[in-house]
PDB file of N, CA and C in Angstrom:
ATOM      1  N   PRO A   1      -0.359  -5.121 -12.014  1.00  0.00           N
ATOM      2  CA  PRO A   1      -0.144  -4.187 -13.111  1.00  0.00           C
ATOM      3  C   PRO A   1       0.943  -3.156 -12.753  1.00  0.00           C
ATOM      4  N   LEU A   2       1.751  -2.832 -13.719  1.00  0.00           N
ATOM      5  CA  LEU A   2       2.879  -1.930 -13.500  1.00  0.00           C
ATOM      6  C   LEU A   2       2.434  -0.557 -13.000  1.00  0.00           C
ATOM      7  N   ILE A   3       1.318  -0.059 -13.514  1.00  0.00           N
ATOM      8  CA  ILE A   3       0.859   1.260 -13.058  1.00  0.00           C
ATOM      9  C   ILE A   3       0.547   1.242 -11.562  1.00  0.00           C
ATOM     10  N   LEU A   4       0.037   0.138 -11.070  1.00  0.00           N
ATOM     11  CA  LEU A   4      -0.266   0.018  -9.643  1.00  0.00           C
ATOM     12  C   LEU A   4       1.008   0.090  -8.818  1.00  0.00           C
ATOM     13  N   THR A   5       1.994  -0.710  -9.174  1.00  0.00           N
ATOM     14  CA  THR A   5       3.231  -0.736  -8.391  1.00  0.00           C
ATOM     15  C   THR A   5       3.984   0.586  -8.496  1.00  0.00           C
ATOM     16  N   LYS A   6       3.977   1.192  -9.660  1.00  0.00           N
ATOM     17  CA  LYS A   6       4.708   2.457  -9.844  1.00  0.00           C
ATOM     18  C   LYS A   6       4.040   3.619  -9.107  1.00  0.00           C
ATOM     19  N   THR A   7       2.711   3.672  -9.101  1.00  0.00           N
ATOM     20  CA  THR A   7       2.061   4.769  -8.386  1.00  0.00           C
ATOM     21  C   THR A   7       2.209   4.595  -6.876  1.00  0.00           C
ATOM     22  N   ILE A   8       2.125   3.370  -6.396  1.00  0.00           N
ATOM     23  CA  ILE A   8       2.315   3.126  -4.960  1.00  0.00           C
ATOM     24  C   ILE A   8       3.754   3.458  -4.568  1.00  0.00           C
ATOM     25  N   GLU A   9       4.700   3.056  -5.400  1.00  0.00           N
ATOM     26  CA  GLU A   9       6.112   3.373  -5.138  1.00  0.00           C
ATOM     27  C   GLU A   9       6.311   4.894  -5.095  1.00  0.00           C
ATOM     28  N   ALA A  10       5.719   5.599  -6.050  1.00  0.00           N
ATOM     29  CA  ALA A  10       5.843   7.061  -6.092  1.00  0.00           C
ATOM     30  C   ALA A  10       5.196   7.692  -4.863  1.00  0.00           C
ATOM     31  N   LEU A  11       4.071   7.155  -4.422  1.00  0.00           N
ATOM     32  CA  LEU A  11       3.422   7.670  -3.214  1.00  0.00           C
ATOM     33  C   LEU A  11       4.326   7.506  -1.999  1.00  0.00           C
ATOM     34  N   LYS A  12       5.002   6.375  -1.905  1.00  0.00           N
ATOM     35  CA  LYS A  12       5.904   6.152  -0.773  1.00  0.00           C
ATOM     36  C   LYS A  12       7.115   7.091  -0.835  1.00  0.00           C
ATOM     37  N   ILE A  13       7.700   7.225  -2.013  1.00  0.00           N
ATOM     38  CA  ILE A  13       8.893   8.063  -2.168  1.00  0.00           C
ATOM     39  C   ILE A  13       8.581   9.534  -1.885  1.00  0.00           C
ATOM     40  N   THR A  14       7.388   9.983  -2.279  1.00  0.00           N
ATOM     41  CA  THR A  14       7.011  11.387  -2.079  1.00  0.00           C
ATOM     42  C   THR A  14       6.278  11.598  -0.748  1.00  0.00           C
ATOM     43  N   ASN A  15       6.336  10.591   0.115  1.00  0.00           N
ATOM     44  CA  ASN A  15       5.692  10.630   1.440  1.00  0.00           C
ATOM     45  C   ASN A  15       4.175  10.799   1.363  1.00  0.00           C
ATOM     46  N   GLY A  16       3.600  10.345   0.283  1.00  0.00           N
ATOM     47  CA  GLY A  16       2.151  10.408   0.142  1.00  0.00           C
ATOM     48  C   GLY A  16       1.427   9.599   1.200  1.00  0.00           C
ATOM     49  N   HIS A  17       2.042   8.503   1.616  1.00  0.00           N
ATOM     50  CA  HIS A  17       1.409   7.664   2.640  1.00  0.00           C
ATOM     51  C   HIS A  17       1.357   8.366   3.997  1.00  0.00           C
ATOM     52  N   LEU A  18       2.086   9.465   4.138  1.00  0.00           N
ATOM     53  CA  LEU A  18       2.078  10.254   5.374  1.00  0.00           C
ATOM     54  C   LEU A  18       1.289  11.558   5.218  1.00  0.00           C
ATOM     55  N   THR A  19       0.757  11.788   4.033  1.00  0.00           N
ATOM     56  CA  THR A  19       0.078  13.046   3.715  1.00  0.00           C
ATOM     57  C   THR A  19      -1.405  12.945   4.034  1.00  0.00           C
ATOM     58  N   GLU A  20      -1.865  13.832   4.914  1.00  0.00           N
ATOM     59  CA  GLU A  20      -3.285  13.835   5.276  1.00  0.00           C
ATOM     60  C   GLU A  20      -4.122  14.163   4.041  1.00  0.00           C
ATOM     61  N   GLY A  21      -5.198  13.405   3.859  1.00  0.00           N
ATOM     62  CA  GLY A  21      -6.120  13.645   2.754  1.00  0.00           C
ATOM     63  C   GLY A  21      -5.564  13.251   1.400  1.00  0.00           C
ATOM     64  N   ILE A  22      -4.615  12.340   1.374  1.00  0.00           N
ATOM     65  CA  ILE A  22      -3.924  12.002   0.120  1.00  0.00           C
ATOM     66  C   ILE A  22      -4.886  11.579  -0.989  1.00  0.00           C
ATOM     67  N   PHE A  23      -5.957  10.895  -0.665  1.00  0.00           N
ATOM     68  CA  PHE A  23      -6.896  10.469  -1.703  1.00  0.00           C
ATOM     69  C   PHE A  23      -8.125  11.371  -1.777  1.00  0.00           C
ATOM     70  N   ARG A  24      -8.166  12.378  -0.926  1.00  0.00           N
ATOM     71  CA  ARG A  24      -9.289  13.311  -0.913  1.00  0.00           C
ATOM     72  C   ARG A  24      -8.950  14.572  -1.699  1.00  0.00           C
ATOM     73  N   VAL A  25      -7.727  15.043  -1.564  1.00  0.00           N
ATOM     74  CA  VAL A  25      -7.290  16.265  -2.243  1.00  0.00           C
ATOM     75  C   VAL A  25      -6.728  15.879  -3.610  1.00  0.00           C
ATOM     76  N   PRO A  26      -7.301  16.422  -4.685  1.00  0.00           N
ATOM     77  CA  PRO A  26      -6.818  16.044  -6.017  1.00  0.00           C
ATOM     78  C   PRO A  26      -5.478  16.686  -6.357  1.00  0.00           C
ATOM     79  N   GLY A  27      -4.741  16.022  -7.237  1.00  0.00           N
ATOM     80  CA  GLY A  27      -3.511  16.596  -7.759  1.00  0.00           C
ATOM     81  C   GLY A  27      -3.825  17.655  -8.800  1.00  0.00           C
ATOM     82  N   GLU A  28      -2.828  18.490  -9.102  1.00  0.00           N
ATOM     83  CA  GLU A  28      -3.008  19.501 -10.154  1.00  0.00           C
ATOM     84  C   GLU A  28      -3.310  18.794 -11.468  1.00  0.00           C
ATOM     85  N   ILE A  29      -4.316  19.272 -12.178  1.00  0.00           N
ATOM     86  CA  ILE A  29      -4.764  18.630 -13.414  1.00  0.00           C
ATOM     87  C   ILE A  29      -3.633  18.507 -14.432  1.00  0.00           C
ATOM     88  N   GLU A  30      -2.754  19.517 -14.492  1.00  0.00           N
ATOM     89  CA  GLU A  30      -1.637  19.463 -15.441  1.00  0.00           C
ATOM     90  C   GLU A  30      -0.696  18.314 -15.091  1.00  0.00           C
ATOM     91  N   ASP A  31      -0.423  18.132 -13.799  1.00  0.00           N
ATOM     92  CA  ASP A  31       0.470  17.054 -13.373  1.00  0.00           C
ATOM     93  C   ASP A  31      -0.154  15.683 -13.629  1.00  0.00           C
ATOM     94  N   VAL A  32      -1.429  15.549 -13.326  1.00  0.00           N
ATOM     95  CA  VAL A  32      -2.108  14.263 -13.522  1.00  0.00           C
ATOM     96  C   VAL A  32      -2.157  13.931 -15.009  1.00  0.00           C
ATOM     97  N   THR A  33      -2.464  14.920 -15.831  1.00  0.00           N
ATOM     98  CA  THR A  33      -2.508  14.713 -17.284  1.00  0.00           C
ATOM     99  C   THR A  33      -1.132  14.311 -17.800  1.00  0.00           C
ATOM    100  N   LYS A  34      -0.086  14.968 -17.307  1.00  0.00           N
ATOM    101  CA  LYS A  34       1.277  14.643 -17.720  1.00  0.00           C
ATOM    102  C   LYS A  34       1.598  13.189 -17.367  1.00  0.00           C
ATOM    103  N   LEU A  35       1.268  12.795 -16.145  1.00  0.00           N
ATOM    104  CA  LEU A  35       1.538  11.420 -15.716  1.00  0.00           C
ATOM    105  C   LEU A  35       0.740  10.417 -16.544  1.00  0.00           C
ATOM    106  N   LYS A  36      -0.523  10.732 -16.792  1.00  0.00           N
ATOM    107  CA  LYS A  36      -1.369   9.830 -17.569  1.00  0.00           C
ATOM    108  C   LYS A  36      -0.815   9.644 -18.985  1.00  0.00           C
ATOM    109  N   MET A  37      -0.357  10.725 -19.591  1.00  0.00           N
ATOM    110  CA  MET A  37       0.201  10.647 -20.945  1.00  0.00           C
ATOM    111  C   MET A  37       1.499   9.833 -20.959  1.00  0.00           C
ATOM    112  N   LYS A  38       2.334  10.025 -19.943  1.00  0.00           N
ATOM    113  CA  LYS A  38       3.582   9.257 -19.872  1.00  0.00           C
ATOM    114  C   LYS A  38       3.278   7.759 -19.806  1.00  0.00           C
ATOM    115  N   VAL A  39       2.364   7.395 -18.916  1.00  0.00           N
ATOM    116  CA  VAL A  39       2.013   5.988 -18.746  1.00  0.00           C
ATOM    117  C   VAL A  39       1.379   5.439 -20.024  1.00  0.00           C
ATOM    118  N   ALA A  40       0.528   6.218 -20.662  1.00  0.00           N
ATOM    119  CA  ALA A  40      -0.114   5.790 -21.910  1.00  0.00           C
ATOM    120  C   ALA A  40       0.918   5.512 -22.992  1.00  0.00           C
ATOM    121  N   ASN A  41       2.058   6.204 -22.919  1.00  0.00           N
ATOM    122  CA  ASN A  41       3.134   6.011 -23.898  1.00  0.00           C
ATOM    123  C   ASN A  41       4.163   4.981 -23.428  1.00  0.00           C
ATOM    124  N   GLY A  42       3.847   4.280 -22.337  1.00  0.00           N
ATOM    125  CA  GLY A  42       4.737   3.224 -21.853  1.00  0.00           C
ATOM    126  C   GLY A  42       5.877   3.705 -20.983  1.00  0.00           C
ATOM    127  N   ASP A  43       5.849   4.960 -20.582  1.00  0.00           N
ATOM    128  CA  ASP A  43       6.905   5.522 -19.735  1.00  0.00           C
ATOM    129  C   ASP A  43       6.404   5.565 -18.289  1.00  0.00           C
ATOM    130  N   TYR A  44       6.928   4.667 -17.480  1.00  0.00           N
ATOM    131  CA  TYR A  44       6.482   4.568 -16.088  1.00  0.00           C
ATOM    132  C   TYR A  44       7.424   5.275 -15.116  1.00  0.00           C
ATOM    133  N   ASP A  45       8.327   6.088 -15.641  1.00  0.00           N
ATOM    134  CA  ASP A  45       9.206   6.890 -14.798  1.00  0.00           C
ATOM    135  C   ASP A  45       8.425   8.152 -14.430  1.00  0.00           C
ATOM    136  N   ILE A  46       7.648   8.053 -13.356  1.00  0.00           N
ATOM    137  CA  ILE A  46       6.709   9.123 -13.012  1.00  0.00           C
ATOM    138  C   ILE A  46       7.177   9.973 -11.839  1.00  0.00           C
ATOM    139  N   LEU A  47       8.417   9.788 -11.421  1.00  0.00           N
ATOM    140  CA  LEU A  47       8.910  10.537 -10.270  1.00  0.00           C
ATOM    141  C   LEU A  47       9.342  11.957 -10.600  1.00  0.00           C
ATOM    142  N   ASP A  48       9.222  12.367 -11.872  1.00  0.00           N
ATOM    143  CA  ASP A  48       9.548  13.752 -12.204  1.00  0.00           C
ATOM    144  C   ASP A  48       8.455  14.705 -11.702  1.00  0.00           C
ATOM    145  N   VAL A  49       7.318  14.146 -11.292  1.00  0.00           N
ATOM    146  CA  VAL A  49       6.277  14.935 -10.630  1.00  0.00           C
ATOM    147  C   VAL A  49       6.394  14.635  -9.144  1.00  0.00           C
ATOM    148  N   ALA A  50       6.652  15.667  -8.365  1.00  0.00           N
ATOM    149  CA  ALA A  50       6.937  15.480  -6.938  1.00  0.00           C
ATOM    150  C   ALA A  50       5.699  15.527  -6.055  1.00  0.00           C
ATOM    151  N   ASP A  51       4.572  15.923  -6.596  1.00  0.00           N
ATOM    152  CA  ASP A  51       3.350  16.073  -5.804  1.00  0.00           C
ATOM    153  C   ASP A  51       2.692  14.718  -5.568  1.00  0.00           C
ATOM    154  N   PRO A  52       2.638  14.257  -4.319  1.00  0.00           N
ATOM    155  CA  PRO A  52       2.013  12.954  -4.054  1.00  0.00           C
ATOM    156  C   PRO A  52       0.525  12.930  -4.413  1.00  0.00           C
ATOM    157  N   HIS A  53      -0.133  14.089  -4.388  1.00  0.00           N
ATOM    158  CA  HIS A  53      -1.550  14.130  -4.748  1.00  0.00           C
ATOM    159  C   HIS A  53      -1.754  13.781  -6.223  1.00  0.00           C
ATOM    160  N   ALA A  54      -0.793  14.133  -7.067  1.00  0.00           N
ATOM    161  CA  ALA A  54      -0.878  13.781  -8.490  1.00  0.00           C
ATOM    162  C   ALA A  54      -0.768  12.272  -8.664  1.00  0.00           C
ATOM    163  N   HIS A  55       0.106  11.643  -7.908  1.00  0.00           N
ATOM    164  CA  HIS A  55       0.255  10.188  -7.989  1.00  0.00           C
ATOM    165  C   HIS A  55      -0.998   9.486  -7.474  1.00  0.00           C
ATOM    166  N   ALA A  56      -1.562  10.005  -6.382  1.00  0.00           N
ATOM    167  CA  ALA A  56      -2.800   9.439  -5.840  1.00  0.00           C
ATOM    168  C   ALA A  56      -3.942   9.606  -6.846  1.00  0.00           C
ATOM    169  N   SER A  57      -3.989  10.757  -7.495  1.00  0.00           N
ATOM    170  CA  SER A  57      -5.031  11.007  -8.496  1.00  0.00           C
ATOM    171  C   SER A  57      -4.881  10.058  -9.680  1.00  0.00           C
ATOM    172  N   LEU A  58      -3.641   9.800 -10.094  1.00  0.00           N
ATOM    173  CA  LEU A  58      -3.409   8.861 -11.194  1.00  0.00           C
ATOM    174  C   LEU A  58      -3.869   7.459 -10.802  1.00  0.00           C
ATOM    175  N   LEU A  59      -3.583   7.050  -9.583  1.00  0.00           N
ATOM    176  CA  LEU A  59      -4.019   5.732  -9.105  1.00  0.00           C
ATOM    177  C   LEU A  59      -5.550   5.661  -9.082  1.00  0.00           C
ATOM    178  N   LYS A  60      -6.203   6.694  -8.564  1.00  0.00           N
ATOM    179  CA  LYS A  60      -7.670   6.715  -8.530  1.00  0.00           C
ATOM    180  C   LYS A  60      -8.248   6.688  -9.943  1.00  0.00           C
ATOM    181  N   LEU A  61      -7.617   7.411 -10.851  1.00  0.00           N
ATOM    182  CA  LEU A  61      -8.065   7.439 -12.240  1.00  0.00           C
ATOM    183  C   LEU A  61      -7.966   6.049 -12.858  1.00  0.00           C
ATOM    184  N   TRP A  62      -6.849   5.378 -12.625  1.00  0.00           N
ATOM    185  CA  TRP A  62      -6.671   4.026 -13.149  1.00  0.00           C
ATOM    186  C   TRP A  62      -7.761   3.096 -12.608  1.00  0.00           C
ATOM    187  N   LEU A  63      -8.021   3.169 -11.313  1.00  0.00           N
ATOM    188  CA  LEU A  63      -9.044   2.319 -10.715  1.00  0.00           C
ATOM    189  C   LEU A  63     -10.425   2.618 -11.297  1.00  0.00           C
ATOM    190  N   ARG A  64     -10.729   3.903 -11.509  1.00  0.00           N
ATOM    191  CA  ARG A  64     -12.032   4.282 -12.088  1.00  0.00           C
ATOM    192  C   ARG A  64     -12.182   3.800 -13.525  1.00  0.00           C
ATOM    193  N   GLU A  65     -11.072   3.772 -14.257  1.00  0.00           N
ATOM    194  CA  GLU A  65     -11.141   3.440 -15.674  1.00  0.00           C
ATOM    195  C   GLU A  65     -10.977   1.953 -15.966  1.00  0.00           C
ATOM    196  N   LEU A  66     -10.875   1.131 -14.930  1.00  0.00           N
ATOM    197  CA  LEU A  66     -10.796  -0.312 -15.165  1.00  0.00           C
ATOM    198  C   LEU A  66     -12.035  -0.774 -15.933  1.00  0.00           C
ATOM    199  N   GLU A  67     -11.825  -1.672 -16.870  1.00  0.00           N
ATOM    200  CA  GLU A  67     -12.948  -2.191 -17.648  1.00  0.00           C
ATOM    201  C   GLU A  67     -13.974  -2.856 -16.733  1.00  0.00           C
ATOM    202  N   GLU A  68     -13.491  -3.627 -15.795  1.00  0.00           N
ATOM    203  CA  GLU A  68     -14.332  -4.253 -14.769  1.00  0.00           C
ATOM    204  C   GLU A  68     -13.861  -3.744 -13.414  1.00  0.00           C
ATOM    205  N   PRO A  69     -14.765  -3.329 -12.533  1.00  0.00           N
ATOM    206  CA  PRO A  69     -14.329  -2.840 -11.221  1.00  0.00           C
ATOM    207  C   PRO A  69     -13.689  -3.946 -10.391  1.00  0.00           C
ATOM    208  N   LEU A  70     -12.876  -3.560  -9.415  1.00  0.00           N
ATOM    209  CA  LEU A  70     -12.241  -4.561  -8.549  1.00  0.00           C
ATOM    210  C   LEU A  70     -13.287  -5.412  -7.848  1.00  0.00           C
ATOM    211  N   PHE A  71     -14.367  -4.782  -7.421  1.00  0.00           N
ATOM    212  CA  PHE A  71     -15.479  -5.496  -6.806  1.00  0.00           C
ATOM    213  C   PHE A  71     -16.644  -5.463  -7.799  1.00  0.00           C
ATOM    214  N   PRO A  72     -16.965  -6.601  -8.401  1.00  0.00           N
ATOM    215  CA  PRO A  72     -18.041  -6.626  -9.405  1.00  0.00           C
ATOM    216  C   PRO A  72     -19.394  -6.226  -8.811  1.00  0.00           C
ATOM    217  N   LYS A  73     -20.260  -5.767  -9.684  1.00  0.00           N
ATOM    218  CA  LYS A  73     -21.586  -5.298  -9.268  1.00  0.00           C
ATOM    219  C   LYS A  73     -22.359  -6.368  -8.495  1.00  0.00           C
ATOM    220  N   GLU A  74     -22.180  -7.629  -8.863  1.00  0.00           N
ATOM    221  CA  GLU A  74     -22.930  -8.695  -8.191  1.00  0.00           C
ATOM    222  C   GLU A  74     -22.511  -8.880  -6.724  1.00  0.00           C
ATOM    223  N   LEU A  75     -21.373  -8.312  -6.342  1.00  0.00           N
ATOM    224  CA  LEU A  75     -20.935  -8.397  -4.942  1.00  0.00           C
ATOM    225  C   LEU A  75     -21.171  -7.093  -4.175  1.00  0.00           C
ATOM    226  N   TYR A  76     -21.814  -6.133  -4.831  1.00  0.00           N
ATOM    227  CA  TYR A  76     -22.003  -4.814  -4.231  1.00  0.00           C
ATOM    228  C   TYR A  76     -22.704  -4.886  -2.875  1.00  0.00           C
ATOM    229  N   GLU A  77     -23.842  -5.557  -2.818  1.00  0.00           N
ATOM    230  CA  GLU A  77     -24.612  -5.617  -1.565  1.00  0.00           C
ATOM    231  C   GLU A  77     -23.808  -6.290  -0.455  1.00  0.00           C
ATOM    232  N   GLU A  78     -23.069  -7.340  -0.799  1.00  0.00           N
ATOM    233  CA  GLU A  78     -22.239  -8.017   0.203  1.00  0.00           C
ATOM    234  C   GLU A  78     -21.141  -7.079   0.720  1.00  0.00           C
ATOM    235  N   CYS A  79     -20.580  -6.275  -0.173  1.00  0.00           N
ATOM    236  CA  CYS A  79     -19.555  -5.308   0.238  1.00  0.00           C
ATOM    237  C   CYS A  79     -20.141  -4.266   1.185  1.00  0.00           C
ATOM    238  N   ILE A  80     -21.336  -3.810   0.895  1.00  0.00           N
ATOM    239  CA  ILE A  80     -22.001  -2.829   1.765  1.00  0.00           C
ATOM    240  C   ILE A  80     -22.218  -3.442   3.148  1.00  0.00           C
ATOM    241  N   GLN A  81     -22.682  -4.684   3.183  1.00  0.00           N
ATOM    242  CA  GLN A  81     -22.904  -5.358   4.463  1.00  0.00           C
ATOM    243  C   GLN A  81     -21.595  -5.533   5.226  1.00  0.00           C
ATOM    244  N   CYS A  82     -20.545  -5.842   4.507  1.00  0.00           N
ATOM    245  CA  CYS A  82     -19.226  -5.989   5.126  1.00  0.00           C
ATOM    246  C   CYS A  82     -18.815  -4.673   5.788  1.00  0.00           C
ATOM    247  N   GLY A  83     -19.040  -3.574   5.097  1.00  0.00           N
ATOM    248  CA  GLY A  83     -18.702  -2.264   5.650  1.00  0.00           C
ATOM    249  C   GLY A  83     -19.548  -1.904   6.854  1.00  0.00           C
ATOM    250  N   LYS A  84     -20.826  -2.231   6.799  1.00  0.00           N
ATOM    251  CA  LYS A  84     -21.721  -1.921   7.910  1.00  0.00           C
ATOM    252  C   LYS A  84     -21.416  -2.784   9.136  1.00  0.00           C
ATOM    253  N   ASN A  85     -21.201  -4.072   8.898  1.00  0.00           N
ATOM    254  CA  ASN A  85     -21.011  -5.014  10.009  1.00  0.00           C
ATOM    255  C   ASN A  85     -19.581  -5.057  10.521  1.00  0.00           C
ATOM    256  N   LYS A  86     -18.657  -4.570   9.700  1.00  0.00           N
ATOM    257  CA  LYS A  86     -17.233  -4.614  10.059  1.00  0.00           C
ATOM    258  C   LYS A  86     -16.810  -6.017  10.477  1.00  0.00           C
ATOM    259  N   ASP A  87     -17.286  -6.976   9.688  1.00  0.00           N
ATOM    260  CA  ASP A  87     -17.015  -8.387   9.955  1.00  0.00           C
ATOM    261  C   ASP A  87     -15.868  -8.849   9.056  1.00  0.00           C
ATOM    262  N   PRO A  88     -14.672  -9.060   9.629  1.00  0.00           N
ATOM    263  CA  PRO A  88     -13.534  -9.454   8.803  1.00  0.00           C
ATOM    264  C   PRO A  88     -13.736 -10.784   8.074  1.00  0.00           C
ATOM    265  N   ASN A  89     -14.495 -11.693   8.666  1.00  0.00           N
ATOM    266  CA  ASN A  89     -14.742 -12.979   8.001  1.00  0.00           C
ATOM    267  C   ASN A  89     -15.582 -12.803   6.744  1.00  0.00           C
ATOM    268  N   LEU A  90     -16.587 -11.917   6.820  1.00  0.00           N
ATOM    269  CA  LEU A  90     -17.402 -11.629   5.645  1.00  0.00           C
ATOM    270  C   LEU A  90     -16.548 -10.968   4.566  1.00  0.00           C
ATOM    271  N   CYS A  91     -15.675 -10.059   4.974  1.00  0.00           N
ATOM    272  CA  CYS A  91     -14.785  -9.394   4.013  1.00  0.00           C
ATOM    273  C   CYS A  91     -13.879 -10.409   3.324  1.00  0.00           C
ATOM    274  N   ARG A  92     -13.320 -11.326   4.083  1.00  0.00           N
ATOM    275  CA  ARG A  92     -12.467 -12.371   3.494  1.00  0.00           C
ATOM    276  C   ARG A  92     -13.253 -13.235   2.514  1.00  0.00           C
ATOM    277  N   THR A  93     -14.483 -13.562   2.885  1.00  0.00           N
ATOM    278  CA  THR A  93     -15.328 -14.378   2.012  1.00  0.00           C
ATOM    279  C   THR A  93     -15.568 -13.669   0.684  1.00  0.00           C
ATOM    280  N   ILE A  94     -15.847 -12.370   0.759  1.00  0.00           N
ATOM    281  CA  ILE A  94     -16.083 -11.594  -0.463  1.00  0.00           C
ATOM    282  C   ILE A  94     -14.821 -11.562  -1.314  1.00  0.00           C
ATOM    283  N   ILE A  95     -13.711 -11.268  -0.705  1.00  0.00           N
ATOM    284  CA  ILE A  95     -12.446 -11.189  -1.454  1.00  0.00           C
ATOM    285  C   ILE A  95     -12.111 -12.533  -2.090  1.00  0.00           C
ATOM    286  N   ASN A  96     -12.401 -13.617  -1.404  1.00  0.00           N
ATOM    287  CA  ASN A  96     -12.125 -14.954  -1.954  1.00  0.00           C
ATOM    288  C   ASN A  96     -13.009 -15.291  -3.144  1.00  0.00           C
ATOM    289  N   LYS A  97     -14.113 -14.585  -3.316  1.00  0.00           N
ATOM    290  CA  LYS A  97     -14.995 -14.798  -4.474  1.00  0.00           C
ATOM    291  C   LYS A  97     -14.476 -14.092  -5.728  1.00  0.00           C
ATOM    292  N   LEU A  98     -13.543 -13.181  -5.541  1.00  0.00           N
ATOM    293  CA  LEU A  98     -13.035 -12.381  -6.663  1.00  0.00           C
ATOM    294  C   LEU A  98     -12.055 -13.173  -7.516  1.00  0.00           C
ATOM    295  N   PRO A  99     -11.888 -12.749  -8.768  1.00  0.00           N
ATOM    296  CA  PRO A  99     -10.823 -13.338  -9.585  1.00  0.00           C
ATOM    297  C   PRO A  99      -9.467 -13.112  -8.902  1.00  0.00           C
ATOM    298  N   ILE A 100      -8.529 -13.990  -9.155  1.00  0.00           N
ATOM    299  CA  ILE A 100      -7.213 -13.936  -8.509  1.00  0.00           C
ATOM    300  C   ILE A 100      -6.539 -12.586  -8.712  1.00  0.00           C
ATOM    301  N   ILE A 101      -6.588 -12.021  -9.913  1.00  0.00           N
ATOM    302  CA  ILE A 101      -5.921 -10.740 -10.164  1.00  0.00           C
ATOM    303  C   ILE A 101      -6.533  -9.642  -9.291  1.00  0.00           C
ATOM    304  N   ASN A 102      -7.847  -9.651  -9.120  1.00  0.00           N
ATOM    305  CA  ASN A 102      -8.496  -8.656  -8.255  1.00  0.00           C
ATOM    306  C   ASN A 102      -8.040  -8.835  -6.814  1.00  0.00           C
ATOM    307  N   GLN A 103      -7.947 -10.088  -6.372  1.00  0.00           N
ATOM    308  CA  GLN A 103      -7.483 -10.362  -5.013  1.00  0.00           C
ATOM    309  C   GLN A 103      -6.075  -9.816  -4.802  1.00  0.00           C
ATOM    310  N   LYS A 104      -5.218 -10.023  -5.794  1.00  0.00           N
ATOM    311  CA  LYS A 104      -3.840  -9.550  -5.677  1.00  0.00           C
ATOM    312  C   LYS A 104      -3.763  -8.026  -5.649  1.00  0.00           C
ATOM    313  N   VAL A 105      -4.562  -7.366  -6.479  1.00  0.00           N
ATOM    314  CA  VAL A 105      -4.569  -5.899  -6.504  1.00  0.00           C
ATOM    315  C   VAL A 105      -5.049  -5.361  -5.163  1.00  0.00           C
ATOM    316  N   ILE A 106      -6.116  -5.913  -4.634  1.00  0.00           N
ATOM    317  CA  ILE A 106      -6.648  -5.449  -3.347  1.00  0.00           C
ATOM    318  C   ILE A 106      -5.647  -5.695  -2.228  1.00  0.00           C
ATOM    319  N   THR A 107      -5.038  -6.853  -2.235  1.00  0.00           N
ATOM    320  CA  THR A 107      -4.023  -7.159  -1.220  1.00  0.00           C
ATOM    321  C   THR A 107      -2.868  -6.176  -1.311  1.00  0.00           C
ATOM    322  N   TYR A 108      -2.423  -5.880  -2.513  1.00  0.00           N
ATOM    323  CA  TYR A 108      -1.320  -4.937  -2.717  1.00  0.00           C
ATOM    324  C   TYR A 108      -1.694  -3.546  -2.215  1.00  0.00           C
ATOM    325  N   LEU A 109      -2.923  -3.123  -2.522  1.00  0.00           N
ATOM    326  CA  LEU A 109      -3.376  -1.810  -2.076  1.00  0.00           C
ATOM    327  C   LEU A 109      -3.455  -1.716  -0.556  1.00  0.00           C
ATOM    328  N   LEU A 110      -3.857  -2.787   0.075  1.00  0.00           N
ATOM    329  CA  LEU A 110      -4.028  -2.769   1.530  1.00  0.00           C
ATOM    330  C   LEU A 110      -2.725  -2.919   2.296  1.00  0.00           C
ATOM    331  N   GLU A 111      -1.709  -3.437   1.648  1.00  0.00           N
ATOM    332  CA  GLU A 111      -0.407  -3.576   2.319  1.00  0.00           C
ATOM    333  C   GLU A 111       0.224  -2.227   2.426  1.00  0.00           C
TER     334      GLU A 111
END
């Protein structure tokens, strides 16, 4: 999805990937609202907001508002076990059970 690639690109350009607490500290509500409105109107030129926290907040908002979560509810317990056991093979198995688009989004996020 374009919003995914554009927010990740904006995070890289604004050094968000080097910013401590990038997904913990929220962006200014005015900036996040501005970005959300631009994207809703089909305008993905979001670099006029320089705060990487706003871009991270927009990405988190998009993920929260997905109609279906990246990891469906039926895989919740397996995901918890994967986190507890830190077993990469179990994690791969779970990801392979997901629809292709979910796999691609997760792969993109992790790269």
